[in-house]
Amino acid sequence: MQTEVHQTMEGQFQLLFDKMKIEMQNQTAELKDSIAKSIMDSMNEKLIPIVEENKELKIRVDTLEKEIESLKGAGRSNNIVVFGIEEKEKSTGSLSNYYEN
């Protein structure tokens, strides 16, 4: 009889232990999910200003590239190539003065 009681108690302790183990595993999984979500939220919060700055910088780069192309075009519009004439002047101003006089 005592052996039966001992086996019954042992079985009940094993069931209790198994339930506690499952509960601890569930809590561990919930904690992992909660921590991961918290980390992701924090990272996203920190990334928002960086993403915004990146967008602004892309727009600025695009604007500057257009401005550079415009300036290149304006610089080329004053260039004239004349073959057969010796070029003694070193700047556009001195060249203009030479041919105007």
PDB file of N, CA and C in Angstrom:
ATOM      1  N   MET A   1       0.824  -1.188   0.000  1.00  0.00           N
ATOM      2  CA  MET A   1       0.000   0.000   0.000  1.00  0.00           C
ATOM      3  C   MET A   1       0.871   1.256   0.000  1.00  0.00           C
ATOM      4  N   GLN A   2       1.898   1.229   0.804  1.00  0.00           N
ATOM      5  CA  GLN A   2       2.771   2.393   0.878  1.00  0.00           C
ATOM      6  C   GLN A   2       3.477   2.601  -0.468  1.00  0.00           C
ATOM      7  N   THR A   3       3.778   1.538  -1.158  1.00  0.00           N
ATOM      8  CA  THR A   3       4.423   1.627  -2.461  1.00  0.00           C
ATOM      9  C   THR A   3       3.483   2.277  -3.466  1.00  0.00           C
ATOM     10  N   GLU A   4       2.203   1.925  -3.392  1.00  0.00           N
ATOM     11  CA  GLU A   4       1.219   2.525  -4.303  1.00  0.00           C
ATOM     12  C   GLU A   4       1.088   4.025  -4.045  1.00  0.00           C
ATOM     13  N   VAL A   5       1.044   4.408  -2.798  1.00  0.00           N
ATOM     14  CA  VAL A   5       0.952   5.822  -2.429  1.00  0.00           C
ATOM     15  C   VAL A   5       2.205   6.547  -2.906  1.00  0.00           C
ATOM     16  N   HIS A   6       3.343   5.902  -2.720  1.00  0.00           N
ATOM     17  CA  HIS A   6       4.611   6.497  -3.147  1.00  0.00           C
ATOM     18  C   HIS A   6       4.632   6.693  -4.669  1.00  0.00           C
ATOM     19  N   GLN A   7       4.156   5.688  -5.407  1.00  0.00           N
ATOM     20  CA  GLN A   7       4.116   5.788  -6.868  1.00  0.00           C
ATOM     21  C   GLN A   7       3.123   6.858  -7.312  1.00  0.00           C
ATOM     22  N   THR A   8       1.991   6.946  -6.638  1.00  0.00           N
ATOM     23  CA  THR A   8       0.984   7.950  -6.970  1.00  0.00           C
ATOM     24  C   THR A   8       1.537   9.343  -6.724  1.00  0.00           C
ATOM     25  N   MET A   9       2.192   9.531  -5.600  1.00  0.00           N
ATOM     26  CA  MET A   9       2.780  10.839  -5.296  1.00  0.00           C
ATOM     27  C   MET A   9       3.892  11.172  -6.282  1.00  0.00           C
ATOM     28  N   GLU A  10       4.668  10.165  -6.629  1.00  0.00           N
ATOM     29  CA  GLU A  10       5.751  10.382  -7.591  1.00  0.00           C
ATOM     30  C   GLU A  10       5.179  10.781  -8.950  1.00  0.00           C
ATOM     31  N   GLY A  11       4.101  10.120  -9.352  1.00  0.00           N
ATOM     32  CA  GLY A  11       3.435  10.452 -10.619  1.00  0.00           C
ATOM     33  C   GLY A  11       2.874  11.870 -10.595  1.00  0.00           C
ATOM     34  N   GLN A  12       2.286  12.259  -9.459  1.00  0.00           N
ATOM     35  CA  GLN A  12       1.731  13.606  -9.336  1.00  0.00           C
ATOM     36  C   GLN A  12       2.837  14.662  -9.368  1.00  0.00           C
ATOM     37  N   PHE A  13       3.948  14.361  -8.705  1.00  0.00           N
ATOM     38  CA  PHE A  13       5.085  15.296  -8.745  1.00  0.00           C
ATOM     39  C   PHE A  13       5.646  15.416 -10.164  1.00  0.00           C
ATOM     40  N   GLN A  14       5.672  14.287 -10.872  1.00  0.00           N
ATOM     41  CA  GLN A  14       6.174  14.317 -12.250  1.00  0.00           C
ATOM     42  C   GLN A  14       5.252  15.164 -13.128  1.00  0.00           C
ATOM     43  N   LEU A  15       3.932  15.000 -12.957  1.00  0.00           N
ATOM     44  CA  LEU A  15       2.975  15.814 -13.715  1.00  0.00           C
ATOM     45  C   LEU A  15       3.142  17.291 -13.383  1.00  0.00           C
ATOM     46  N   LEU A  16       3.279  17.580 -12.096  1.00  0.00           N
ATOM     47  CA  LEU A  16       3.471  18.961 -11.663  1.00  0.00           C
ATOM     48  C   LEU A  16       4.762  19.526 -12.248  1.00  0.00           C
ATOM     49  N   PHE A  17       5.821  18.744 -12.201  1.00  0.00           N
ATOM     50  CA  PHE A  17       7.104  19.168 -12.757  1.00  0.00           C
ATOM     51  C   PHE A  17       6.984  19.418 -14.264  1.00  0.00           C
ATOM     52  N   ASP A  18       6.308  18.525 -14.981  1.00  0.00           N
ATOM     53  CA  ASP A  18       6.131  18.683 -16.433  1.00  0.00           C
ATOM     54  C   ASP A  18       5.334  19.946 -16.760  1.00  0.00           C
ATOM     55  N   LYS A  19       4.264  20.201 -15.976  1.00  0.00           N
ATOM     56  CA  LYS A  19       3.461  21.409 -16.191  1.00  0.00           C
ATOM     57  C   LYS A  19       4.286  22.668 -15.928  1.00  0.00           C
ATOM     58  N   MET A  20       5.093  22.634 -14.869  1.00  0.00           N
ATOM     59  CA  MET A  20       5.943  23.786 -14.549  1.00  0.00           C
ATOM     60  C   MET A  20       6.975  24.014 -15.656  1.00  0.00           C
ATOM     61  N   LYS A  21       7.507  22.916 -16.170  1.00  0.00           N
ATOM     62  CA  LYS A  21       8.495  23.016 -17.240  1.00  0.00           C
ATOM     63  C   LYS A  21       7.872  23.647 -18.488  1.00  0.00           C
ATOM     64  N   ILE A  22       6.673  23.195 -18.852  1.00  0.00           N
ATOM     65  CA  ILE A  22       5.977  23.753 -20.020  1.00  0.00           C
ATOM     66  C   ILE A  22       5.667  25.229 -19.796  1.00  0.00           C
ATOM     67  N   GLU A  23       5.216  25.575 -18.600  1.00  0.00           N
ATOM     68  CA  GLU A  23       4.902  26.975 -18.288  1.00  0.00           C
ATOM     69  C   GLU A  23       6.152  27.847 -18.372  1.00  0.00           C
ATOM     70  N   MET A  24       7.264  27.346 -17.876  1.00  0.00           N
ATOM     71  CA  MET A  24       8.518  28.108 -17.943  1.00  0.00           C
ATOM     72  C   MET A  24       8.975  28.277 -19.395  1.00  0.00           C
ATOM     73  N   GLN A  25       8.796  27.249 -20.204  1.00  0.00           N
ATOM     74  CA  GLN A  25       9.153  27.353 -21.622  1.00  0.00           C
ATOM     75  C   GLN A  25       8.281  28.400 -22.318  1.00  0.00           C
ATOM     76  N   ASN A  26       6.998  28.401 -21.998  1.00  0.00           N
ATOM     77  CA  ASN A  26       6.084  29.399 -22.576  1.00  0.00           C
ATOM     78  C   ASN A  26       6.474  30.814 -22.153  1.00  0.00           C
ATOM     79  N   GLN A  27       6.787  30.979 -20.876  1.00  0.00           N
ATOM     80  CA  GLN A  27       7.190  32.299 -20.381  1.00  0.00           C
ATOM     81  C   GLN A  27       8.501  32.742 -21.024  1.00  0.00           C
ATOM     82  N   THR A  28       9.417  31.803 -21.204  1.00  0.00           N
ATOM     83  CA  THR A  28      10.691  32.127 -21.858  1.00  0.00           C
ATOM     84  C   THR A  28      10.453  32.587 -23.290  1.00  0.00           C
ATOM     85  N   ALA A  29       9.579  31.887 -24.006  1.00  0.00           N
ATOM     86  CA  ALA A  29       9.267  32.267 -25.386  1.00  0.00           C
ATOM     87  C   ALA A  29       8.617  33.649 -25.427  1.00  0.00           C
ATOM     88  N   GLU A  30       7.698  33.914 -24.502  1.00  0.00           N
ATOM     89  CA  GLU A  30       7.047  35.222 -24.449  1.00  0.00           C
ATOM     90  C   GLU A  30       8.054  36.326 -24.152  1.00  0.00           C
ATOM     91  N   LEU A  31       8.969  36.062 -23.231  1.00  0.00           N
ATOM     92  CA  LEU A  31      10.000  37.057 -22.905  1.00  0.00           C
ATOM     93  C   LEU A  31      10.897  37.331 -24.109  1.00  0.00           C
ATOM     94  N   LYS A  32      11.288  36.278 -24.815  1.00  0.00           N
ATOM     95  CA  LYS A  32      12.124  36.454 -26.008  1.00  0.00           C
ATOM     96  C   LYS A  32      11.409  37.323 -27.037  1.00  0.00           C
ATOM     97  N   ASP A  33      10.123  37.018 -27.270  1.00  0.00           N
ATOM     98  CA  ASP A  33       9.347  37.807 -28.231  1.00  0.00           C
ATOM     99  C   ASP A  33       9.234  39.261 -27.786  1.00  0.00           C
ATOM    100  N   SER A  34       8.972  39.456 -26.497  1.00  0.00           N
ATOM    101  CA  SER A  34       8.829  40.810 -25.966  1.00  0.00           C
ATOM    102  C   SER A  34      10.131  41.594 -26.091  1.00  0.00           C
ATOM    103  N   ILE A  35      11.244  40.955 -25.769  1.00  0.00           N
ATOM    104  CA  ILE A  35      12.548  41.620 -25.866  1.00  0.00           C
ATOM    105  C   ILE A  35      12.874  41.941 -27.319  1.00  0.00           C
ATOM    106  N   ALA A  36      12.630  40.979 -28.211  1.00  0.00           N
ATOM    107  CA  ALA A  36      12.903  41.204 -29.635  1.00  0.00           C
ATOM    108  C   ALA A  36      12.061  42.363 -30.165  1.00  0.00           C
ATOM    109  N   LYS A  37      10.782  42.406 -29.787  1.00  0.00           N
ATOM    110  CA  LYS A  37       9.908  43.490 -30.241  1.00  0.00           C
ATOM    111  C   LYS A  37      10.392  44.828 -29.703  1.00  0.00           C
ATOM    112  N   SER A  38      10.790  44.846 -28.448  1.00  0.00           N
ATOM    113  CA  SER A  38      11.283  46.081 -27.837  1.00  0.00           C
ATOM    114  C   SER A  38      12.537  46.580 -28.550  1.00  0.00           C
ATOM    115  N   ILE A  39      13.443  45.669 -28.858  1.00  0.00           N
ATOM    116  CA  ILE A  39      14.673  46.044 -29.565  1.00  0.00           C
ATOM    117  C   ILE A  39      14.346  46.568 -30.958  1.00  0.00           C
ATOM    118  N   MET A  40      13.458  45.887 -31.672  1.00  0.00           N
ATOM    119  CA  MET A  40      13.088  46.320 -33.023  1.00  0.00           C
ATOM    120  C   MET A  40      12.412  47.694 -32.995  1.00  0.00           C
ATOM    121  N   ASP A  41      11.524  47.905 -32.034  1.00  0.00           N
ATOM    122  CA  ASP A  41      10.864  49.209 -31.912  1.00  0.00           C
ATOM    123  C   ASP A  41      11.887  50.310 -31.652  1.00  0.00           C
ATOM    124  N   SER A  42      12.832  50.026 -30.780  1.00  0.00           N
ATOM    125  CA  SER A  42      13.871  51.007 -30.464  1.00  0.00           C
ATOM    126  C   SER A  42      14.728  51.312 -31.691  1.00  0.00           C
ATOM    127  N   MET A  43      15.089  50.275 -32.432  1.00  0.00           N
ATOM    128  CA  MET A  43      15.901  50.472 -33.638  1.00  0.00           C
ATOM    129  C   MET A  43      15.126  51.271 -34.686  1.00  0.00           C
ATOM    130  N   ASN A  44      13.857  50.939 -34.874  1.00  0.00           N
ATOM    131  CA  ASN A  44      13.042  51.668 -35.845  1.00  0.00           C
ATOM    132  C   ASN A  44      12.922  53.137 -35.459  1.00  0.00           C
ATOM    133  N   GLU A  45      12.758  53.388 -34.179  1.00  0.00           N
ATOM    134  CA  GLU A  45      12.650  54.759 -33.690  1.00  0.00           C
ATOM    135  C   GLU A  45      13.926  55.548 -33.991  1.00  0.00           C
ATOM    136  N   LYS A  46      15.065  54.893 -33.834  1.00  0.00           N
ATOM    137  CA  LYS A  46      16.338  55.557 -34.101  1.00  0.00           C
ATOM    138  C   LYS A  46      16.603  55.701 -35.596  1.00  0.00           C
ATOM    139  N   LEU A  47      16.024  54.823 -36.407  1.00  0.00           N
ATOM    140  CA  LEU A  47      16.254  54.870 -37.855  1.00  0.00           C
ATOM    141  C   LEU A  47      15.419  55.943 -38.556  1.00  0.00           C
ATOM    142  N   ILE A  48      14.305  56.324 -37.984  1.00  0.00           N
ATOM    143  CA  ILE A  48      13.414  57.287 -38.639  1.00  0.00           C
ATOM    144  C   ILE A  48      14.141  58.578 -39.011  1.00  0.00           C
ATOM    145  N   PRO A  49      14.869  59.231 -38.094  1.00  0.00           N
ATOM    146  CA  PRO A  49      15.562  60.464 -38.491  1.00  0.00           C
ATOM    147  C   PRO A  49      16.664  60.215 -39.525  1.00  0.00           C
ATOM    148  N   ILE A  50      17.292  59.053 -39.471  1.00  0.00           N
ATOM    149  CA  ILE A  50      18.349  58.744 -40.439  1.00  0.00           C
ATOM    150  C   ILE A  50      17.753  58.571 -41.828  1.00  0.00           C
ATOM    151  N   VAL A  51      16.626  57.899 -41.916  1.00  0.00           N
ATOM    152  CA  VAL A  51      15.955  57.707 -43.204  1.00  0.00           C
ATOM    153  C   VAL A  51      15.507  59.054 -43.764  1.00  0.00           C
ATOM    154  N   GLU A  52      14.964  59.908 -42.915  1.00  0.00           N
ATOM    155  CA  GLU A  52      14.538  61.239 -43.358  1.00  0.00           C
ATOM    156  C   GLU A  52      15.727  62.055 -43.865  1.00  0.00           C
ATOM    157  N   GLU A  53      16.824  62.019 -43.129  1.00  0.00           N
ATOM    158  CA  GLU A  53      18.019  62.749 -43.553  1.00  0.00           C
ATOM    159  C   GLU A  53      18.534  62.202 -44.880  1.00  0.00           C
ATOM    160  N   ASN A  54      18.476  60.897 -45.045  1.00  0.00           N
ATOM    161  CA  ASN A  54      18.917  60.272 -46.288  1.00  0.00           C
ATOM    162  C   ASN A  54      18.069  60.753 -47.468  1.00  0.00           C
ATOM    163  N   LYS A  55      16.759  60.842 -47.284  1.00  0.00           N
ATOM    164  CA  LYS A  55      15.875  61.347 -48.338  1.00  0.00           C
ATOM    165  C   LYS A  55      16.247  62.781 -48.705  1.00  0.00           C
ATOM    166  N   GLU A  56      16.454  63.609 -47.679  1.00  0.00           N
ATOM    167  CA  GLU A  56      16.811  65.012 -47.919  1.00  0.00           C
ATOM    168  C   GLU A  56      18.145  65.120 -48.644  1.00  0.00           C
ATOM    169  N   LEU A  57      19.100  64.296 -48.266  1.00  0.00           N
ATOM    170  CA  LEU A  57      20.417  64.331 -48.911  1.00  0.00           C
ATOM    171  C   LEU A  57      20.336  63.867 -50.363  1.00  0.00           C
ATOM    172  N   LYS A  58      19.494  62.888 -50.645  1.00  0.00           N
ATOM    173  CA  LYS A  58      19.317  62.435 -52.031  1.00  0.00           C
ATOM    174  C   LYS A  58      18.742  63.563 -52.885  1.00  0.00           C
ATOM    175  N   ILE A  59      17.778  64.282 -52.334  1.00  0.00           N
ATOM    176  CA  ILE A  59      17.193  65.414 -53.058  1.00  0.00           C
ATOM    177  C   ILE A  59      18.251  66.483 -53.287  1.00  0.00           C
ATOM    178  N   ARG A  60      19.048  66.754 -52.262  1.00  0.00           N
ATOM    179  CA  ARG A  60      20.112  67.771 -52.369  1.00  0.00           C
ATOM    180  C   ARG A  60      21.149  67.365 -53.415  1.00  0.00           C
ATOM    181  N   VAL A  61      21.548  66.098 -53.413  1.00  0.00           N
ATOM    182  CA  VAL A  61      22.518  65.604 -54.399  1.00  0.00           C
ATOM    183  C   VAL A  61      21.949  65.752 -55.803  1.00  0.00           C
ATOM    184  N   ASP A  62      20.688  65.398 -55.983  1.00  0.00           N
ATOM    185  CA  ASP A  62      20.047  65.524 -57.295  1.00  0.00           C
ATOM    186  C   ASP A  62      20.047  66.979 -57.757  1.00  0.00           C
ATOM    187  N   THR A  63      19.706  67.888 -56.847  1.00  0.00           N
ATOM    188  CA  THR A  63      19.699  69.317 -57.169  1.00  0.00           C
ATOM    189  C   THR A  63      21.096  69.793 -57.549  1.00  0.00           C
ATOM    190  N   LEU A  64      22.096  69.391 -56.785  1.00  0.00           N
ATOM    191  CA  LEU A  64      23.473  69.809 -57.067  1.00  0.00           C
ATOM    192  C   LEU A  64      23.984  69.224 -58.380  1.00  0.00           C
ATOM    193  N   GLU A  65      23.606  67.981 -58.686  1.00  0.00           N
ATOM    194  CA  GLU A  65      24.014  67.385 -59.962  1.00  0.00           C
ATOM    195  C   GLU A  65      23.420  68.167 -61.135  1.00  0.00           C
ATOM    196  N   LYS A  66      22.161  68.570 -61.009  1.00  0.00           N
ATOM    197  CA  LYS A  66      21.531  69.370 -62.066  1.00  0.00           C
ATOM    198  C   LYS A  66      22.224  70.721 -62.199  1.00  0.00           C
ATOM    199  N   GLU A  67      22.566  71.315 -61.067  1.00  0.00           N
ATOM    200  CA  GLU A  67      23.256  72.601 -61.079  1.00  0.00           C
ATOM    201  C   GLU A  67      24.631  72.473 -61.735  1.00  0.00           C
ATOM    202  N   ILE A  68      25.341  71.400 -61.446  1.00  0.00           N
ATOM    203  CA  ILE A  68      26.656  71.173 -62.059  1.00  0.00           C
ATOM    204  C   ILE A  68      26.516  71.039 -63.570  1.00  0.00           C
ATOM    205  N   GLU A  69      25.543  70.263 -64.018  1.00  0.00           N
ATOM    206  CA  GLU A  69      25.329  70.097 -65.461  1.00  0.00           C
ATOM    207  C   GLU A  69      24.995  71.434 -66.113  1.00  0.00           C
ATOM    208  N   SER A  70      24.185  72.233 -65.429  1.00  0.00           N
ATOM    209  CA  SER A  70      23.832  73.551 -65.954  1.00  0.00           C
ATOM    210  C   SER A  70      25.070  74.436 -66.066  1.00  0.00           C
ATOM    211  N   LEU A  71      25.905  74.418 -65.034  1.00  0.00           N
ATOM    212  CA  LEU A  71      27.127  75.231 -65.052  1.00  0.00           C
ATOM    213  C   LEU A  71      28.106  74.742 -66.116  1.00  0.00           C
ATOM    214  N   LYS A  72      28.179  73.438 -66.312  1.00  0.00           N
ATOM    215  CA  LYS A  72      29.044  72.898 -67.365  1.00  0.00           C
ATOM    216  C   LYS A  72      28.571  73.394 -68.728  1.00  0.00           C
ATOM    217  N   GLY A  73      27.267  73.365 -68.922  1.00  0.00           N
ATOM    218  CA  GLY A  73      26.707  73.833 -70.192  1.00  0.00           C
ATOM    219  C   GLY A  73      26.964  75.311 -70.402  1.00  0.00           C
ATOM    220  N   ALA A  74      26.825  76.108 -69.346  1.00  0.00           N
ATOM    221  CA  ALA A  74      27.070  77.549 -69.452  1.00  0.00           C
ATOM    222  C   ALA A  74      28.543  77.812 -69.736  1.00  0.00           C
ATOM    223  N   GLY A  75      29.418  77.031 -69.135  1.00  0.00           N
ATOM    224  CA  GLY A  75      30.852  77.203 -69.370  1.00  0.00           C
ATOM    225  C   GLY A  75      31.234  76.845 -70.792  1.00  0.00           C
ATOM    226  N   ARG A  76      30.593  75.840 -71.341  1.00  0.00           N
ATOM    227  CA  ARG A  76      30.893  75.426 -72.713  1.00  0.00           C
ATOM    228  C   ARG A  76      30.357  76.421 -73.735  1.00  0.00           C
ATOM    229  N   SER A  77      29.323  77.149 -73.378  1.00  0.00           N
ATOM    230  CA  SER A  77      28.718  78.063 -74.353  1.00  0.00           C
ATOM    231  C   SER A  77      29.651  79.220 -74.701  1.00  0.00           C
ATOM    232  N   ASN A  78      30.620  79.528 -73.844  1.00  0.00           N
ATOM    233  CA  ASN A  78      31.570  80.607 -74.119  1.00  0.00           C
ATOM    234  C   ASN A  78      32.828  80.106 -74.812  1.00  0.00           C
ATOM    235  N   ASN A  79      32.907  78.819 -75.069  1.00  0.00           N
ATOM    236  CA  ASN A  79      34.096  78.255 -75.695  1.00  0.00           C
ATOM    237  C   ASN A  79      33.950  78.263 -77.214  1.00  0.00           C
ATOM    238  N   ILE A  80      34.935  78.828 -77.867  1.00  0.00           N
ATOM    239  CA  ILE A  80      34.976  78.833 -79.330  1.00  0.00           C
ATOM    240  C   ILE A  80      36.345  78.302 -79.728  1.00  0.00           C
ATOM    241  N   VAL A  81      36.344  77.385 -80.652  1.00  0.00           N
ATOM    242  CA  VAL A  81      37.604  76.844 -81.146  1.00  0.00           C
ATOM    243  C   VAL A  81      37.833  77.432 -82.530  1.00  0.00           C
ATOM    244  N   VAL A  82      38.961  78.122 -82.660  1.00  0.00           N
ATOM    245  CA  VAL A  82      39.331  78.719 -83.947  1.00  0.00           C
ATOM    246  C   VAL A  82      40.655  78.085 -84.357  1.00  0.00           C
ATOM    247  N   PHE A  83      40.656  77.454 -85.510  1.00  0.00           N
ATOM    248  CA  PHE A  83      41.859  76.798 -85.995  1.00  0.00           C
ATOM    249  C   PHE A  83      42.678  77.770 -86.829  1.00  0.00           C
ATOM    250  N   GLY A  84      43.993  77.677 -86.699  1.00  0.00           N
ATOM    251  CA  GLY A  84      44.884  78.484 -87.516  1.00  0.00           C
ATOM    252  C   GLY A  84      45.306  79.794 -86.887  1.00  0.00           C
ATOM    253  N   ILE A  85      44.818  80.122 -85.703  1.00  0.00           N
ATOM    254  CA  ILE A  85      45.205  81.362 -85.028  1.00  0.00           C
ATOM    255  C   ILE A  85      45.969  80.979 -83.770  1.00  0.00           C
ATOM    256  N   GLU A  86      47.141  81.587 -83.603  1.00  0.00           N
ATOM    257  CA  GLU A  86      47.964  81.296 -82.432  1.00  0.00           C
ATOM    258  C   GLU A  86      47.326  81.920 -81.190  1.00  0.00           C
ATOM    259  N   GLU A  87      47.269  81.151 -80.107  1.00  0.00           N
ATOM    260  CA  GLU A  87      46.660  81.629 -78.857  1.00  0.00           C
ATOM    261  C   GLU A  87      47.764  82.033 -77.890  1.00  0.00           C
ATOM    262  N   LYS A  88      47.904  83.349 -77.680  1.00  0.00           N
ATOM    263  CA  LYS A  88      48.940  83.869 -76.791  1.00  0.00           C
ATOM    264  C   LYS A  88      48.355  84.207 -75.419  1.00  0.00           C
ATOM    265  N   GLU A  89      47.081  84.504 -75.381  1.00  0.00           N
ATOM    266  CA  GLU A  89      46.432  84.912 -74.141  1.00  0.00           C
ATOM    267  C   GLU A  89      46.141  83.682 -73.277  1.00  0.00           C
ATOM    268  N   LYS A  90      46.172  83.889 -71.964  1.00  0.00           N
ATOM    269  CA  LYS A  90      45.984  82.774 -71.030  1.00  0.00           C
ATOM    270  C   LYS A  90      44.612  82.773 -70.354  1.00  0.00           C
ATOM    271  N   SER A  91      43.829  83.834 -70.536  1.00  0.00           N
ATOM    272  CA  SER A  91      42.513  83.882 -69.907  1.00  0.00           C
ATOM    273  C   SER A  91      41.489  84.389 -70.909  1.00  0.00           C
ATOM    274  N   THR A  92      40.229  84.149 -70.600  1.00  0.00           N
ATOM    275  CA  THR A  92      39.146  84.585 -71.479  1.00  0.00           C
ATOM    276  C   THR A  92      39.107  86.105 -71.583  1.00  0.00           C
ATOM    277  N   GLY A  93      39.338  86.787 -70.460  1.00  0.00           N
ATOM    278  CA  GLY A  93      39.313  88.258 -70.453  1.00  0.00           C
ATOM    279  C   GLY A  93      40.389  88.850 -71.338  1.00  0.00           C
ATOM    280  N   SER A  94      41.607  88.359 -71.233  1.00  0.00           N
ATOM    281  CA  SER A  94      42.695  88.906 -72.055  1.00  0.00           C
ATOM    282  C   SER A  94      42.487  88.562 -73.522  1.00  0.00           C
ATOM    283  N   LEU A  95      41.898  87.406 -73.787  1.00  0.00           N
ATOM    284  CA  LEU A  95      41.607  87.024 -75.172  1.00  0.00           C
ATOM    285  C   LEU A  95      40.532  87.939 -75.758  1.00  0.00           C
ATOM    286  N   SER A  96      39.500  88.235 -74.967  1.00  0.00           N
ATOM    287  CA  SER A  96      38.442  89.141 -75.428  1.00  0.00           C
ATOM    288  C   SER A  96      39.003  90.532 -75.695  1.00  0.00           C
ATOM    289  N   ASN A  97      39.843  91.029 -74.788  1.00  0.00           N
ATOM    290  CA  ASN A  97      40.456  92.354 -74.969  1.00  0.00           C
ATOM    291  C   ASN A  97      41.308  92.397 -76.229  1.00  0.00           C
ATOM    292  N   TYR A  98      42.044  91.349 -76.507  1.00  0.00           N
ATOM    293  CA  TYR A  98      42.937  91.300 -77.670  1.00  0.00           C
ATOM    294  C   TYR A  98      42.133  91.420 -78.967  1.00  0.00           C
ATOM    295  N   TYR A  99      41.037  90.677 -79.058  1.00  0.00           N
ATOM    296  CA  TYR A  99      40.264  90.682 -80.298  1.00  0.00           C
ATOM    297  C   TYR A  99      39.312  91.871 -80.391  1.00  0.00           C
ATOM    298  N   GLU A 100      38.959  92.497 -79.266  1.00  0.00           N
ATOM    299  CA  GLU A 100      38.110  93.677 -79.307  1.00  0.00           C
ATOM    300  C   GLU A 100      38.907  94.907 -79.720  1.00  0.00           C
ATOM    301  N   ASN A 101      40.193  94.938 -79.434  1.00  0.00           N
ATOM    302  CA  ASN A 101      41.036  96.097 -79.752  1.00  0.00           C
ATOM    303  C   ASN A 101      41.652  95.898 -81.067  1.00  0.00           C
TER     304      ASN A 101
END
